Protein backbone atom coordinates (compact mmCIF):
# COMPACT_ATOMS: atom_id res chain seq x y z
CA MET A 1 -13.10 -175.35 -30.40
CA ALA A 2 -10.21 -176.83 -31.92
CA ARG A 3 -10.53 -179.24 -35.09
CA ALA A 4 -8.61 -182.67 -34.42
CA LEU A 5 -6.23 -183.46 -37.20
CA PRO A 6 -6.99 -186.01 -39.25
CA VAL A 7 -5.14 -189.66 -38.93
CA VAL A 8 -3.23 -190.58 -42.21
CA PRO A 9 -3.67 -194.51 -42.48
CA LEU A 10 -0.09 -195.76 -42.26
CA ARG A 11 -0.81 -197.59 -45.65
CA ARG A 12 -1.23 -193.91 -47.06
CA LEU A 13 2.53 -192.68 -45.84
CA PRO A 14 4.29 -191.61 -48.69
CA LEU A 15 6.87 -194.14 -48.41
CA ARG A 16 9.17 -193.09 -51.30
CA ARG A 17 9.55 -189.99 -49.30
CA LEU A 18 10.45 -191.75 -46.29
CA ALA A 19 12.71 -194.03 -48.12
CA CYS A 20 14.51 -190.46 -48.97
CA LEU A 21 15.68 -190.15 -45.62
CA VAL A 22 17.04 -193.42 -45.25
CA PRO A 23 21.05 -192.42 -46.82
CA LEU A 24 20.72 -189.43 -44.55
CA VAL A 25 19.87 -191.27 -41.21
CA LEU A 26 22.43 -193.84 -42.25
CA ILE A 27 25.14 -191.55 -42.76
CA ALA A 28 24.18 -189.54 -39.40
CA GLY A 29 24.63 -192.55 -37.72
CA TRP A 30 27.72 -193.98 -39.33
CA ALA A 31 29.54 -190.48 -38.59
CA ALA A 32 28.61 -190.64 -34.89
CA ALA A 33 29.75 -194.37 -34.21
CA ASN A 34 33.24 -193.44 -35.78
CA TRP A 35 33.37 -189.83 -34.48
CA PRO A 36 36.86 -190.44 -32.89
CA LEU A 37 38.29 -191.19 -36.44
CA LEU A 38 37.02 -188.13 -37.88
CA ARG A 39 37.85 -186.47 -35.00
CA ASP A 40 41.90 -187.51 -34.96
CA GLY A 41 41.68 -187.52 -39.04
CA CYS A 42 40.54 -183.55 -38.51
CA ARG A 43 43.04 -182.80 -36.17
CA GLU A 44 46.09 -184.29 -38.65
CA LEU A 45 44.50 -182.33 -41.60
CA LEU A 46 45.03 -178.88 -39.48
CA THR A 47 48.30 -179.29 -39.38
CA ALA A 48 48.84 -179.86 -43.23
CA ASP A 49 49.56 -178.30 -46.44
CA PRO A 50 46.40 -176.45 -47.21
CA GLY A 51 47.14 -176.19 -50.84
CA TRP A 52 47.83 -179.87 -51.27
CA LEU A 53 44.83 -180.91 -49.57
CA LEU A 54 42.90 -178.90 -51.98
CA ALA A 55 44.53 -180.83 -54.79
CA ALA A 56 43.62 -183.98 -52.97
CA VAL A 57 39.72 -182.81 -53.17
CA ALA A 58 39.73 -182.03 -56.76
CA ILE A 59 41.25 -185.12 -57.78
CA THR A 60 39.08 -186.59 -55.42
CA GLY A 61 36.15 -184.97 -57.93
CA LEU A 62 37.50 -185.90 -60.88
CA CYS A 63 37.37 -190.08 -59.79
CA TRP A 64 33.82 -190.23 -60.35
CA VAL A 65 34.64 -189.07 -64.31
CA PRO A 66 36.61 -192.58 -65.21
CA VAL A 67 33.90 -194.61 -63.04
CA CYS A 68 31.13 -193.44 -65.20
CA LEU A 69 33.32 -194.13 -68.18
CA THR A 70 33.87 -198.13 -67.01
CA ARG A 71 30.31 -198.22 -66.24
CA GLN A 72 29.36 -196.80 -69.87
CA GLY A 73 31.82 -199.18 -71.39
CA ALA A 74 30.30 -201.70 -69.83
CA VAL A 75 26.96 -201.56 -71.87
CA LEU A 76 26.40 -200.96 -75.51
CA GLU A 77 23.39 -198.38 -75.06
CA ARG A 78 24.12 -194.85 -74.68
CA LEU A 79 23.66 -193.94 -70.77
CA PRO A 80 21.94 -190.04 -70.01
CA PRO A 81 25.21 -188.59 -69.03
CA VAL A 82 24.23 -185.74 -66.32
CA ARG A 83 22.22 -188.59 -64.93
CA LEU A 84 24.94 -191.32 -65.24
CA PHE A 85 27.55 -189.12 -63.50
CA ALA A 86 24.62 -188.16 -60.82
CA SER A 87 23.93 -192.23 -60.41
CA GLN A 88 27.62 -193.14 -59.67
CA VAL A 89 27.81 -189.90 -57.21
CA ALA A 90 25.01 -191.62 -55.56
CA ALA A 91 26.44 -195.04 -55.69
CA GLY A 92 29.55 -194.17 -54.18
CA THR A 93 27.21 -193.18 -50.99
CA ALA A 94 25.45 -196.70 -50.93
CA ASN A 95 28.59 -198.53 -51.50
CA HIS A 96 29.73 -197.24 -47.87
CA VAL A 97 26.53 -198.87 -46.40
CA LEU A 98 26.79 -202.49 -47.59
CA PRO A 99 30.12 -204.47 -48.54
CA ALA A 100 31.29 -205.62 -51.06
CA GLY A 101 30.17 -202.94 -53.28
CA LEU A 102 26.74 -204.26 -53.18
CA GLY A 103 25.49 -200.86 -52.47
CA ALA A 104 27.15 -199.40 -55.53
CA HIS A 105 25.64 -202.17 -57.61
CA ALA A 106 22.39 -202.04 -56.74
CA VAL A 107 22.18 -198.01 -57.48
CA THR A 108 23.65 -198.61 -60.63
CA LEU A 109 21.46 -202.15 -61.43
CA ARG A 110 18.31 -199.95 -60.79
CA PHE A 111 19.74 -196.77 -62.98
CA MET A 112 20.15 -199.35 -65.95
CA THR A 113 17.06 -200.55 -65.88
CA ARG A 114 15.61 -197.16 -65.64
CA CYS A 115 17.31 -196.59 -68.57
CA GLY A 116 15.47 -199.49 -70.33
CA ILE A 117 18.46 -202.21 -69.93
CA PRO A 118 16.41 -205.43 -69.08
CA PRO A 119 17.79 -206.62 -65.66
CA ALA A 120 19.97 -209.43 -67.19
CA ARG A 121 21.42 -207.44 -69.46
CA SER A 122 22.18 -204.88 -66.76
CA SER A 123 23.61 -207.79 -64.48
CA ALA A 124 25.77 -209.08 -67.10
CA ALA A 125 27.05 -205.22 -67.33
CA LEU A 126 27.82 -204.91 -63.08
CA ALA A 127 29.62 -208.69 -63.39
CA LEU A 128 32.01 -206.94 -66.18
CA TYR A 129 32.76 -203.93 -64.20
CA SER A 130 33.49 -206.18 -61.33
CA LEU A 131 35.62 -208.29 -63.21
CA VAL A 132 37.57 -205.75 -65.20
CA GLU A 133 38.42 -202.89 -62.05
CA PRO A 134 40.32 -205.57 -60.16
CA VAL A 135 42.05 -206.61 -62.96
CA ALA A 136 43.47 -202.99 -64.54
CA ARG A 137 44.10 -202.20 -60.58
CA VAL A 138 46.10 -205.57 -60.26
CA LEU A 139 48.13 -204.62 -63.93
CA LEU A 140 48.79 -201.66 -62.87
CA LEU A 141 50.34 -202.49 -59.66
CA ALA A 142 52.64 -205.04 -61.62
CA VAL A 143 53.75 -202.32 -64.19
CA LEU A 144 54.94 -199.97 -61.02
CA LEU A 145 56.88 -202.87 -59.13
CA VAL A 146 58.54 -203.36 -62.52
CA LEU A 147 59.48 -199.73 -62.52
CA PHE A 148 60.25 -199.45 -59.27
CA PRO A 149 61.07 -202.42 -57.85
CA GLN A 150 62.81 -201.32 -54.53
CA ALA A 151 58.96 -199.75 -53.71
CA LEU A 152 57.65 -202.24 -51.19
CA PRO A 153 59.43 -205.09 -49.39
CA LEU A 154 56.80 -207.78 -50.88
CA ALA A 155 58.20 -210.70 -48.43
CA ASP A 156 57.21 -208.55 -45.43
CA LEU A 157 53.61 -207.96 -46.77
CA ALA A 158 53.08 -211.69 -48.02
CA PRO A 159 50.69 -213.67 -45.74
CA ASP A 160 52.11 -216.60 -43.64
CA ALA A 161 51.70 -220.24 -44.49
CA THR A 162 48.34 -219.97 -42.01
CA ALA A 163 46.86 -217.08 -43.65
CA LEU A 164 47.06 -218.74 -47.07
CA ALA A 165 45.61 -222.05 -45.61
CA LEU A 166 42.81 -220.64 -44.24
CA LEU A 167 42.30 -218.47 -47.43
CA ALA A 168 42.55 -221.26 -49.47
CA ALA A 169 40.42 -223.64 -46.96
CA VAL A 170 37.30 -220.34 -47.59
CA VAL A 171 37.70 -220.78 -50.76
CA LEU A 172 37.55 -224.14 -51.61
CA ALA A 173 34.60 -224.34 -48.86
CA ALA A 174 32.66 -221.36 -50.99
CA ALA A 175 32.99 -223.72 -54.58
CA GLY A 176 32.10 -226.83 -52.80
CA LEU A 177 28.90 -225.43 -51.50
CA LEU A 178 28.23 -223.54 -54.48
CA ALA A 179 28.69 -227.17 -56.62
CA LEU A 180 26.63 -228.82 -54.38
CA VAL A 181 23.82 -225.57 -54.88
CA LEU A 182 24.26 -226.14 -58.86
CA ARG A 183 24.16 -229.75 -58.56
CA ALA A 184 20.89 -230.32 -56.43
CA TRP A 185 18.94 -227.42 -57.81
CA THR A 186 18.19 -227.57 -61.68
CA ARG A 187 17.43 -223.77 -61.49
CA ALA A 188 19.85 -222.46 -60.86
CA ARG A 189 22.09 -224.35 -63.05
CA ARG A 190 19.64 -222.82 -65.88
CA LEU A 191 19.61 -219.47 -64.79
CA LEU A 192 23.74 -219.60 -64.35
CA ALA A 193 23.55 -220.75 -67.60
CA ASP A 194 21.75 -218.37 -68.99
CA PHE A 195 23.25 -215.41 -67.54
CA LEU A 196 26.55 -216.34 -68.81
CA THR A 197 25.35 -216.96 -71.94
CA VAL A 198 24.71 -213.14 -71.61
CA ALA A 199 27.23 -211.85 -69.80
CA LEU A 200 29.51 -213.10 -72.55
CA THR A 201 27.51 -212.27 -75.46
CA ASP A 202 27.58 -208.82 -74.41
CA ALA A 203 31.45 -209.04 -73.02
CA ARG A 204 32.40 -209.54 -76.56
CA ALA A 205 29.84 -207.33 -78.40
CA VAL A 206 31.68 -204.54 -75.92
CA HIS A 207 34.74 -205.15 -77.08
CA ALA A 208 33.76 -205.22 -80.53
CA ARG A 209 33.09 -201.35 -80.56
CA PRO A 210 36.47 -199.54 -80.18
CA ALA A 211 34.94 -196.64 -78.29
CA ARG A 212 33.44 -199.01 -75.74
CA ALA A 213 36.18 -201.12 -74.80
CA MET A 214 38.34 -197.83 -74.25
CA ALA A 215 35.91 -196.39 -71.87
CA LEU A 216 35.68 -200.06 -70.43
CA TRP A 217 39.33 -200.33 -69.83
CA GLY A 218 40.56 -196.70 -69.63
CA GLY A 219 38.00 -195.88 -66.37
CA ALA A 220 39.42 -198.98 -65.10
CA PHE A 221 42.63 -198.14 -65.04
CA ALA A 222 42.21 -194.29 -64.65
CA PHE A 223 40.38 -194.53 -61.19
CA PRO A 224 43.00 -196.57 -59.38
CA ALA A 225 45.41 -194.03 -60.41
CA LEU A 226 43.30 -191.18 -59.60
CA GLN A 227 43.16 -192.59 -56.21
CA ALA A 228 46.99 -193.52 -55.33
CA SER A 229 47.44 -189.72 -56.89
CA VAL A 230 44.99 -188.38 -53.89
CA LEU A 231 47.18 -190.62 -51.17
CA VAL A 232 50.47 -188.80 -53.19
CA ALA A 233 48.63 -185.46 -52.42
CA VAL A 234 47.74 -186.13 -48.97
CA ALA A 235 51.26 -187.62 -48.34
CA ALA A 236 53.03 -184.12 -49.41
CA ALA A 237 50.26 -182.14 -47.53
CA THR A 238 51.74 -184.15 -44.18
CA GLN A 239 55.33 -184.63 -45.08
CA LEU A 240 55.57 -188.11 -45.26
CA PRO A 241 58.96 -189.30 -45.70
CA VAL A 242 58.25 -191.58 -48.48
CA ARG A 243 58.75 -190.89 -52.58
CA SER A 244 56.00 -190.26 -54.59
CA ALA A 245 56.12 -193.50 -56.66
CA ASP A 246 56.16 -195.72 -53.08
CA VAL A 247 53.22 -193.62 -51.83
CA ALA A 248 51.36 -194.83 -55.62
CA VAL A 249 52.54 -198.68 -55.19
CA ALA A 250 51.59 -198.48 -51.33
CA TYR A 251 48.01 -197.32 -52.18
CA LEU A 252 47.68 -200.20 -55.35
CA ALA A 253 49.12 -202.99 -53.12
CA ALA A 254 46.75 -202.05 -50.10
CA SER A 255 43.69 -201.73 -52.14
CA VAL A 256 44.25 -204.99 -53.85
CA LEU A 257 45.23 -206.55 -50.44
CA ALA A 258 41.66 -204.74 -48.64
CA GLY A 259 39.71 -206.37 -51.62
CA ALA A 260 40.22 -210.30 -49.91
CA VAL A 261 37.92 -208.37 -46.97
CA PRO A 262 34.41 -207.33 -48.12
CA THR A 263 33.84 -204.41 -45.81
CA PRO A 264 31.62 -201.56 -46.22
CA GLY A 265 33.35 -199.12 -48.68
CA GLY A 266 36.79 -201.05 -47.57
CA ILE A 267 36.24 -199.37 -44.02
CA GLY A 268 38.63 -200.90 -41.87
CA SER A 269 40.15 -203.54 -44.14
CA VAL A 270 41.84 -200.52 -46.30
CA ASP A 271 43.02 -198.44 -43.76
CA ALA A 272 44.54 -201.58 -41.93
CA ALA A 273 46.30 -202.18 -45.14
CA LEU A 274 47.25 -198.53 -45.87
CA VAL A 275 48.99 -198.32 -42.59
CA VAL A 276 50.92 -201.09 -43.13
CA THR A 277 52.17 -200.51 -46.84
CA LEU A 278 53.08 -196.87 -46.16
CA ALA A 279 54.99 -198.16 -42.88
CA ALA A 280 56.68 -200.88 -45.19
CA ALA A 281 57.57 -198.45 -47.38
CA GLY A 282 59.62 -196.69 -45.12
CA ALA A 283 56.91 -193.98 -43.37
CA PRO A 284 56.80 -193.59 -39.23
CA LEU A 285 53.95 -195.79 -37.74
CA ALA A 286 52.64 -192.42 -36.49
CA LEU A 287 52.33 -190.26 -39.90
CA ALA A 288 51.22 -193.29 -41.98
CA THR A 289 48.23 -193.66 -39.80
CA GLY A 290 47.52 -189.92 -40.03
CA THR A 291 48.35 -189.60 -43.69
CA THR A 292 45.74 -192.58 -43.85
CA VAL A 293 42.77 -191.02 -42.26
CA GLY A 294 43.71 -187.84 -43.90
CA PHE A 295 43.09 -189.73 -47.26
CA ARG A 296 40.12 -191.40 -45.95
CA ILE A 297 38.73 -188.39 -44.56
CA ILE A 298 38.78 -187.18 -48.15
CA THR A 299 37.77 -190.06 -50.38
CA VAL A 300 35.33 -191.65 -48.30
CA TRP A 301 33.59 -189.29 -45.59
CA LEU A 302 33.69 -185.58 -47.47
CA PRO A 303 32.09 -187.20 -50.55
CA LEU A 304 28.98 -188.88 -47.96
CA LEU A 305 27.05 -185.76 -47.79
CA PRO A 306 26.53 -184.44 -51.24
CA GLY A 307 26.04 -188.61 -52.38
CA ALA A 308 23.60 -188.57 -50.06
CA LEU A 309 21.51 -185.72 -50.75
CA VAL A 310 22.20 -186.58 -54.91
CA LEU A 311 20.87 -190.16 -54.04
CA THR A 312 17.51 -188.70 -52.40
CA ALA A 313 16.81 -186.40 -54.58
CA LEU A 314 17.37 -189.06 -57.48
CA VAL A 315 14.58 -191.73 -55.65
CA ARG A 316 12.19 -188.50 -55.21
CA ARG A 317 12.72 -187.79 -59.01
CA LYS A 318 11.89 -191.54 -59.77
CA VAL A 319 15.20 -191.98 -62.00
CA LEU A 320 16.41 -194.53 -59.32
């Protein structure tokens, strides 16, 4: 007589092993939901120059290096380089699951706390990173616009009065809500004051060490520069009739504009902004769309699977 299989109570299930499958399940569902975009992008890439596409893939792989430099530059402690790199590969995948970079920040926060950095200081490091990265991006865009003033017709890209009024209303409402919460909740004021004290202290300490300051700002400037280089390579592969400098300016302008719309991994907001800026730079709309799709496949979809596998391995090994 066959023996009955033992029934494992739910509380004894290996929850950590089940959690390891979550990134893969999310990525598979996301790919299925966005299959038309992936299919059309692959068709565009099949007719593109393979040499330039390989260059774009290689540059995309290099983009993790400045991210690691910026993360290291935001803390005083020396982070283990191999695990830091692996955590940022995993964070790239998590970043495409939650909006506004929350996925990447959650992975990085967990990694830093596992490295022995207190949660308050880890959170301060994330805040410093989140401040430095957009500042460097805007400064880089400003420099390129000074060097190439005809790259983009900024008057055509500027939002109209209605959009500006709506944005101002949203900002004022958020500020008012925050002020009301802080006024009514004493503990929230105390927590915010403590966090600002830690954040300002660590920021001063980081900038007092030249090696940390160079890593922080050097990585913050290098990452958007490398991303712009990826778009330039894809544009060359699709034979986009736009100068390389104009393509780089179009990417930086699109990323700054898309930063106001917190979507997971910039999906949707970055794509729309890139098509608009490339078209404004003089590219035909169809070719601008194909170049954007190719760029997003290489920088977003291609790293998702290895990132999900690394994230799973880090969870299994209790690094995260």
